[in-house]
């Protein structure tokens, strides 16, 4: 079943469970925030080409996004606002409507599909490579803070790990597209292994 959802296109990928701080200054997005309310929600999609600032036709938007739920909002004296949001459910845009007064899209929801359970080996590899990335930072004098804890469900944990990992936007978007938790866990393990090698090269150089 499709739904209509206001959209806030960004130059970065929002994942489920991921925190998203926002500074809202454009008039159209001020209107969006006012319309959804202090604890409302809206969609976030990646801008594949173009700018975050500007009106329709000036950017190309990805088709898969995530709902951002507002956790906290502060309105400033000049009308701007700062917000802290969290990513919740995935969706696919089926139709973009007119950007008037702000981007709005018809969407369909994208829960994980039923499939094979995540293998213990793939889950272990995901965590090992996450901590490998942290150890690369630590070896080069970059404090990563206390080790985080993750949800016991690997399907949820995969998004939590990805949100805290040094991944590029394309890697995050590729994870977002995967509808199988077992495939997502396996893919994230591979991405983190590559990220650790890239980090080591860059920091050593």
C-alpha atoms as a PDB file:
ATOM      1  CA  UNK A   1       0.000   0.000   0.000  1.00  0.00           C
ATOM      2  CA  UNK A   2       1.399   3.399  -0.957  1.00  0.00           C
ATOM      3  CA  UNK A   3       1.588   6.470   1.256  1.00  0.00           C
ATOM      4  CA  UNK A   4       2.347  10.129   0.712  1.00  0.00           C
ATOM      5  CA  UNK A   5       5.371  11.467   2.616  1.00  0.00           C
ATOM      6  CA  UNK A   6       7.185  14.838   2.718  1.00  0.00           C
ATOM      7  CA  UNK A   7      10.819  14.484   1.657  1.00  0.00           C
ATOM      8  CA  UNK A   8      14.074  16.137   2.739  1.00  0.00           C
ATOM      9  CA  UNK A   9      16.694  15.218   0.084  1.00  0.00           C
ATOM     10  CA  UNK A  10      20.264  15.251   1.419  1.00  0.00           C
ATOM     11  CA  UNK A  11      23.775  14.654   0.162  1.00  0.00           C
ATOM     12  CA  UNK A  12      24.181  11.792   2.631  1.00  0.00           C
ATOM     13  CA  UNK A  13      22.450   8.475   3.320  1.00  0.00           C
ATOM     14  CA  UNK A  14      20.282   7.999   6.390  1.00  0.00           C
ATOM     15  CA  UNK A  15      20.098   4.421   7.709  1.00  0.00           C
ATOM     16  CA  UNK A  16      17.550   2.895  10.088  1.00  0.00           C
ATOM     17  CA  UNK A  17      18.678   3.458  13.737  1.00  0.00           C
ATOM     18  CA  UNK A  18      21.063   6.246  12.636  1.00  0.00           C
ATOM     19  CA  UNK A  19      20.935   9.641  14.341  1.00  0.00           C
ATOM     20  CA  UNK A  20      20.626  12.649  12.053  1.00  0.00           C
ATOM     21  CA  UNK A  21      21.251  16.217  13.241  1.00  0.00           C
ATOM     22  CA  UNK A  22      19.761  18.831  10.905  1.00  0.00           C
ATOM     23  CA  UNK A  23      20.006  22.600  10.573  1.00  0.00           C
ATOM     24  CA  UNK A  24      16.878  23.781   8.757  1.00  0.00           C
ATOM     25  CA  UNK A  25      17.212  27.173   7.108  1.00  0.00           C
ATOM     26  CA  UNK A  26      15.578  27.010   3.653  1.00  0.00           C
ATOM     27  CA  UNK A  27      12.012  28.435   3.676  1.00  0.00           C
ATOM     28  CA  UNK A  28      10.498  25.335   2.064  1.00  0.00           C
ATOM     29  CA  UNK A  29      12.006  23.012   4.686  1.00  0.00           C
ATOM     30  CA  UNK A  30      10.979  25.369   7.471  1.00  0.00           C
ATOM     31  CA  UNK A  31       7.454  24.902   6.116  1.00  0.00           C
ATOM     32  CA  UNK A  32       7.913  21.113   6.015  1.00  0.00           C
ATOM     33  CA  UNK A  33       9.028  20.998   9.646  1.00  0.00           C
ATOM     34  CA  UNK A  34       6.154  23.259  10.695  1.00  0.00           C
ATOM     35  CA  UNK A  35       3.675  21.006   8.874  1.00  0.00           C
ATOM     36  CA  UNK A  36       4.910  17.704  10.373  1.00  0.00           C
ATOM     37  CA  UNK A  37       5.191  19.083  13.920  1.00  0.00           C
ATOM     38  CA  UNK A  38       7.732  18.740  16.712  1.00  0.00           C
ATOM     39  CA  UNK A  39       7.551  14.941  16.860  1.00  0.00           C
ATOM     40  CA  UNK A  40       6.614  14.293  13.222  1.00  0.00           C
ATOM     41  CA  UNK A  41       8.408  12.453  10.484  1.00  0.00           C
ATOM     42  CA  UNK A  42       9.509  12.864   6.883  1.00  0.00           C
ATOM     43  CA  UNK A  43      11.535  10.993   4.307  1.00  0.00           C
ATOM     44  CA  UNK A  44      15.254  11.374   3.630  1.00  0.00           C
ATOM     45  CA  UNK A  45      16.610  10.366   0.220  1.00  0.00           C
ATOM     46  CA  UNK A  46      20.123  10.675  -1.163  1.00  0.00           C
ATOM     47  CA  UNK A  47      20.808  13.337  -3.763  1.00  0.00           C
ATOM     48  CA  UNK A  48      22.747  11.416  -6.400  1.00  0.00           C
ATOM     49  CA  UNK A  49      23.541  14.486  -8.490  1.00  0.00           C
ATOM     50  CA  UNK A  50      22.947  18.159  -7.819  1.00  0.00           C
ATOM     51  CA  UNK A  51      22.641  20.358  -4.754  1.00  0.00           C
ATOM     52  CA  UNK A  52      20.744  20.181  -1.482  1.00  0.00           C
ATOM     53  CA  UNK A  53      19.855  23.841  -1.905  1.00  0.00           C
ATOM     54  CA  UNK A  54      17.472  24.774  -4.721  1.00  0.00           C
ATOM     55  CA  UNK A  55      14.149  23.788  -6.174  1.00  0.00           C
ATOM     56  CA  UNK A  56      12.869  20.910  -8.272  1.00  0.00           C
ATOM     57  CA  UNK A  57      14.806  19.901 -11.342  1.00  0.00           C
ATOM     58  CA  UNK A  58      18.167  20.872  -9.880  1.00  0.00           C
ATOM     59  CA  UNK A  59      19.032  17.503  -8.395  1.00  0.00           C
ATOM     60  CA  UNK A  60      18.615  13.793  -9.101  1.00  0.00           C
ATOM     61  CA  UNK A  61      17.301  11.843  -6.132  1.00  0.00           C
ATOM     62  CA  UNK A  62      17.739   8.198  -5.208  1.00  0.00           C
ATOM     63  CA  UNK A  63      14.624   6.057  -5.190  1.00  0.00           C
ATOM     64  CA  UNK A  64      15.153   4.373  -1.808  1.00  0.00           C
ATOM     65  CA  UNK A  65      15.123   6.329   1.428  1.00  0.00           C
ATOM     66  CA  UNK A  66      14.453   6.161   5.152  1.00  0.00           C
ATOM     67  CA  UNK A  67      11.915   7.855   7.393  1.00  0.00           C
ATOM     68  CA  UNK A  68      13.417  10.405   9.790  1.00  0.00           C
ATOM     69  CA  UNK A  69      11.489  10.753  13.054  1.00  0.00           C
ATOM     70  CA  UNK A  70      12.061  14.004  14.937  1.00  0.00           C
ATOM     71  CA  UNK A  71      13.364  13.390  18.455  1.00  0.00           C
ATOM     72  CA  UNK A  72      14.103  16.973  19.386  1.00  0.00           C
ATOM     73  CA  UNK A  73      13.611  20.369  17.727  1.00  0.00           C
ATOM     74  CA  UNK A  74      14.613  23.885  18.703  1.00  0.00           C
ATOM     75  CA  UNK A  75      13.328  26.905  16.810  1.00  0.00           C
ATOM     76  CA  UNK A  76      15.713  29.855  16.650  1.00  0.00           C
ATOM     77  CA  UNK A  77      14.710  33.511  16.819  1.00  0.00           C
ATOM     78  CA  UNK A  78      15.222  34.062  13.074  1.00  0.00           C
ATOM     79  CA  UNK A  79      12.994  31.140  12.078  1.00  0.00           C
ATOM     80  CA  UNK A  80      15.722  28.589  11.503  1.00  0.00           C
ATOM     81  CA  UNK A  81      15.621  25.392  13.544  1.00  0.00           C
ATOM     82  CA  UNK A  82      17.940  22.649  14.707  1.00  0.00           C
ATOM     83  CA  UNK A  83      16.712  19.083  15.016  1.00  0.00           C
ATOM     84  CA  UNK A  84      17.856  15.662  16.053  1.00  0.00           C
ATOM     85  CA  UNK A  85      16.165  12.838  14.148  1.00  0.00           C
ATOM     86  CA  UNK A  86      16.517   9.074  13.993  1.00  0.00           C
ATOM     87  CA  UNK A  87      16.120   6.815  10.958  1.00  0.00           C
ATOM     88  CA  UNK A  88      13.281   4.298  11.161  1.00  0.00           C
ATOM     89  CA  UNK A  89      11.587   2.564   8.196  1.00  0.00           C
ATOM     90  CA  UNK A  90      12.817   2.137   4.630  1.00  0.00           C
ATOM     91  CA  UNK A  91      10.728   3.061   1.624  1.00  0.00           C
ATOM     92  CA  UNK A  92      10.865   3.280  -2.163  1.00  0.00           C
ATOM     93  CA  UNK A  93       9.648   6.358  -4.002  1.00  0.00           C
ATOM     94  CA  UNK A  94       7.068   5.358  -6.590  1.00  0.00           C
ATOM     95  CA  UNK A  95       6.143   8.864  -7.759  1.00  0.00           C
ATOM     96  CA  UNK A  96       7.609  12.299  -7.151  1.00  0.00           C
ATOM     97  CA  UNK A  97       4.934  14.973  -6.816  1.00  0.00           C
ATOM     98  CA  UNK A  98       5.441  18.689  -7.418  1.00  0.00           C
ATOM     99  CA  UNK A  99       7.972  20.357  -5.113  1.00  0.00           C
ATOM    100  CA  UNK A 100       5.303  22.729  -3.855  1.00  0.00           C
ATOM    101  CA  UNK A 101       5.734  23.883  -1.171  1.00  0.00           C
ATOM    102  CA  UNK A 102       8.441  21.236  -0.583  1.00  0.00           C
ATOM    103  CA  UNK A 103       9.319  17.810  -2.042  1.00  0.00           C
ATOM    104  CA  UNK A 104       6.596  15.197  -1.552  1.00  0.00           C
ATOM    105  CA  UNK A 105       6.526  11.639  -2.856  1.00  0.00           C
ATOM    106  CA  UNK A 106       4.240   8.658  -3.102  1.00  0.00           C
ATOM    107  CA  UNK A 107       6.092   5.766  -1.449  1.00  0.00           C
ATOM    108  CA  UNK A 108       5.856   2.058  -0.734  1.00  0.00           C
ATOM    109  CA  UNK A 109       7.349   0.486   2.377  1.00  0.00           C
ATOM    110  CA  UNK A 110      10.387  -1.838   2.190  1.00  0.00           C
ATOM    111  CA  UNK A 111      10.620  -4.159   5.199  1.00  0.00           C
ATOM    112  CA  UNK A 112      13.174  -6.961   5.143  1.00  0.00           C
ATOM    113  CA  UNK A 113      12.023  -9.989   3.177  1.00  0.00           C
ATOM    114  CA  UNK A 114      11.738 -13.370   4.832  1.00  0.00           C
ATOM    115  CA  UNK A 115      14.773 -15.473   4.063  1.00  0.00           C
ATOM    116  CA  UNK A 116      17.639 -17.508   5.403  1.00  0.00           C
ATOM    117  CA  UNK A 117      18.798 -16.510   8.900  1.00  0.00           C
ATOM    118  CA  UNK A 118      22.088 -14.680   9.280  1.00  0.00           C
ATOM    119  CA  UNK A 119      24.915 -17.159   9.622  1.00  0.00           C
ATOM    120  CA  UNK A 120      26.981 -17.050  12.796  1.00  0.00           C
ATOM    121  CA  UNK A 121      30.165 -16.785  10.712  1.00  0.00           C
ATOM    122  CA  UNK A 122      28.870 -13.770   8.756  1.00  0.00           C
ATOM    123  CA  UNK A 123      27.762 -12.005  11.946  1.00  0.00           C
ATOM    124  CA  UNK A 124      31.142 -12.690  13.583  1.00  0.00           C
ATOM    125  CA  UNK A 125      32.943 -11.361  10.511  1.00  0.00           C
ATOM    126  CA  UNK A 126      30.845  -8.178  10.534  1.00  0.00           C
ATOM    127  CA  UNK A 127      31.806  -7.474  14.154  1.00  0.00           C
ATOM    128  CA  UNK A 128      35.449  -8.479  13.689  1.00  0.00           C
ATOM    129  CA  UNK A 129      35.882  -6.125  10.751  1.00  0.00           C
ATOM    130  CA  UNK A 130      34.061  -3.315  12.568  1.00  0.00           C
ATOM    131  CA  UNK A 131      36.538  -3.625  15.440  1.00  0.00           C
ATOM    132  CA  UNK A 132      39.371  -3.934  12.923  1.00  0.00           C
ATOM    133  CA  UNK A 133      38.462  -0.472  11.601  1.00  0.00           C
ATOM    134  CA  UNK A 134      38.453   0.878  15.148  1.00  0.00           C
ATOM    135  CA  UNK A 135      41.856  -0.668  15.813  1.00  0.00           C
ATOM    136  CA  UNK A 136      43.302   1.017  12.710  1.00  0.00           C
ATOM    137  CA  UNK A 137      42.186   4.393  14.041  1.00  0.00           C
ATOM    138  CA  UNK A 138      43.571   3.608  17.490  1.00  0.00           C
ATOM    139  CA  UNK A 139      46.961   2.534  16.112  1.00  0.00           C
ATOM    140  CA  UNK A 140      47.256   5.916  14.462  1.00  0.00           C
ATOM    141  CA  UNK A 141      46.400   7.831  17.612  1.00  0.00           C
ATOM    142  CA  UNK A 142      42.718   8.499  16.867  1.00  0.00           C
ATOM    143  CA  UNK A 143      40.543   7.850  19.909  1.00  0.00           C
ATOM    144  CA  UNK A 144      37.366   5.957  18.982  1.00  0.00           C
ATOM    145  CA  UNK A 145      35.849   6.021  22.465  1.00  0.00           C
ATOM    146  CA  UNK A 146      34.303   3.090  24.322  1.00  0.00           C
ATOM    147  CA  UNK A 147      33.235   0.078  22.281  1.00  0.00           C
ATOM    148  CA  UNK A 148      29.510   0.339  21.453  1.00  0.00           C
ATOM    149  CA  UNK A 149      26.957  -2.351  22.154  1.00  0.00           C
ATOM    150  CA  UNK A 150      24.552  -3.508  19.474  1.00  0.00           C
ATOM    151  CA  UNK A 151      21.082  -5.010  19.215  1.00  0.00           C
ATOM    152  CA  UNK A 152      21.088  -8.818  19.585  1.00  0.00           C
ATOM    153  CA  UNK A 153      19.105  -9.121  16.343  1.00  0.00           C
ATOM    154  CA  UNK A 154      21.678  -9.104  13.493  1.00  0.00           C
ATOM    155  CA  UNK A 155      19.128  -7.529  11.138  1.00  0.00           C
ATOM    156  CA  UNK A 156      18.957  -4.457  13.395  1.00  0.00           C
ATOM    157  CA  UNK A 157      22.607  -4.597  14.408  1.00  0.00           C
ATOM    158  CA  UNK A 158      23.735  -4.460  10.784  1.00  0.00           C
ATOM    159  CA  UNK A 159      22.263  -0.961  10.476  1.00  0.00           C
ATOM    160  CA  UNK A 160      23.671   0.086  13.856  1.00  0.00           C
ATOM    161  CA  UNK A 161      27.156  -1.107  12.883  1.00  0.00           C
ATOM    162  CA  UNK A 162      26.954   0.577   9.485  1.00  0.00           C
ATOM    163  CA  UNK A 163      25.861   3.867  11.054  1.00  0.00           C
ATOM    164  CA  UNK A 164      29.022   3.903  13.213  1.00  0.00           C
ATOM    165  CA  UNK A 165      31.394   2.696  10.515  1.00  0.00           C
ATOM    166  CA  UNK A 166      33.711   4.673   8.192  1.00  0.00           C
ATOM    167  CA  UNK A 167      31.712   3.881   5.072  1.00  0.00           C
ATOM    168  CA  UNK A 168      31.171   6.056   2.026  1.00  0.00           C
ATOM    169  CA  UNK A 169      27.712   7.114   0.923  1.00  0.00           C
ATOM    170  CA  UNK A 170      27.631   4.613  -1.937  1.00  0.00           C
ATOM    171  CA  UNK A 171      28.428   1.748   0.452  1.00  0.00           C
ATOM    172  CA  UNK A 172      25.672   2.895   2.790  1.00  0.00           C
ATOM    173  CA  UNK A 173      23.200   3.194  -0.054  1.00  0.00           C
ATOM    174  CA  UNK A 174      24.069  -0.300  -1.296  1.00  0.00           C
ATOM    175  CA  UNK A 175      23.342  -1.627   2.193  1.00  0.00           C
ATOM    176  CA  UNK A 176      20.048   0.236   2.233  1.00  0.00           C
ATOM    177  CA  UNK A 177      18.999  -1.436  -1.004  1.00  0.00           C
ATOM    178  CA  UNK A 178      19.517  -4.984   0.298  1.00  0.00           C
ATOM    179  CA  UNK A 179      16.216  -6.515   1.437  1.00  0.00           C
ATOM    180  CA  UNK A 180      17.688  -9.655   3.042  1.00  0.00           C
ATOM    181  CA  UNK A 181      19.227  -9.345   6.504  1.00  0.00           C
ATOM    182  CA  UNK A 182      21.623 -12.222   5.833  1.00  0.00           C
ATOM    183  CA  UNK A 183      22.836 -10.622   2.602  1.00  0.00           C
ATOM    184  CA  UNK A 184      23.176  -7.243   4.302  1.00  0.00           C
ATOM    185  CA  UNK A 185      25.290  -8.685   7.137  1.00  0.00           C
ATOM    186  CA  UNK A 186      27.552 -10.450   4.640  1.00  0.00           C
ATOM    187  CA  UNK A 187      27.903  -7.352   2.465  1.00  0.00           C
ATOM    188  CA  UNK A 188      28.702  -5.152   5.461  1.00  0.00           C
ATOM    189  CA  UNK A 189      31.440  -7.542   6.539  1.00  0.00           C
ATOM    190  CA  UNK A 190      33.042  -7.219   3.113  1.00  0.00           C
ATOM    191  CA  UNK A 191      32.682  -3.432   3.089  1.00  0.00           C
ATOM    192  CA  UNK A 192      34.306  -3.128   6.508  1.00  0.00           C
ATOM    193  CA  UNK A 193      37.231  -5.312   5.509  1.00  0.00           C
ATOM    194  CA  UNK A 194      37.849  -3.045   2.511  1.00  0.00           C
ATOM    195  CA  UNK A 195      37.405   0.060   4.674  1.00  0.00           C
ATOM    196  CA  UNK A 196      39.992  -1.155   7.172  1.00  0.00           C
ATOM    197  CA  UNK A 197      42.541  -1.654   4.379  1.00  0.00           C
ATOM    198  CA  UNK A 198      41.760   1.774   2.920  1.00  0.00           C
ATOM    199  CA  UNK A 199      42.054   3.435   6.329  1.00  0.00           C
ATOM    200  CA  UNK A 200      45.399   1.786   6.981  1.00  0.00           C
ATOM    201  CA  UNK A 201      46.746   3.002   3.653  1.00  0.00           C
ATOM    202  CA  UNK A 202      45.500   6.558   4.075  1.00  0.00           C
ATOM    203  CA  UNK A 203      46.586   6.986   7.679  1.00  0.00           C
ATOM    204  CA  UNK A 204      49.987   5.412   7.024  1.00  0.00           C
ATOM    205  CA  UNK A 205      50.539   7.780   4.115  1.00  0.00           C
END
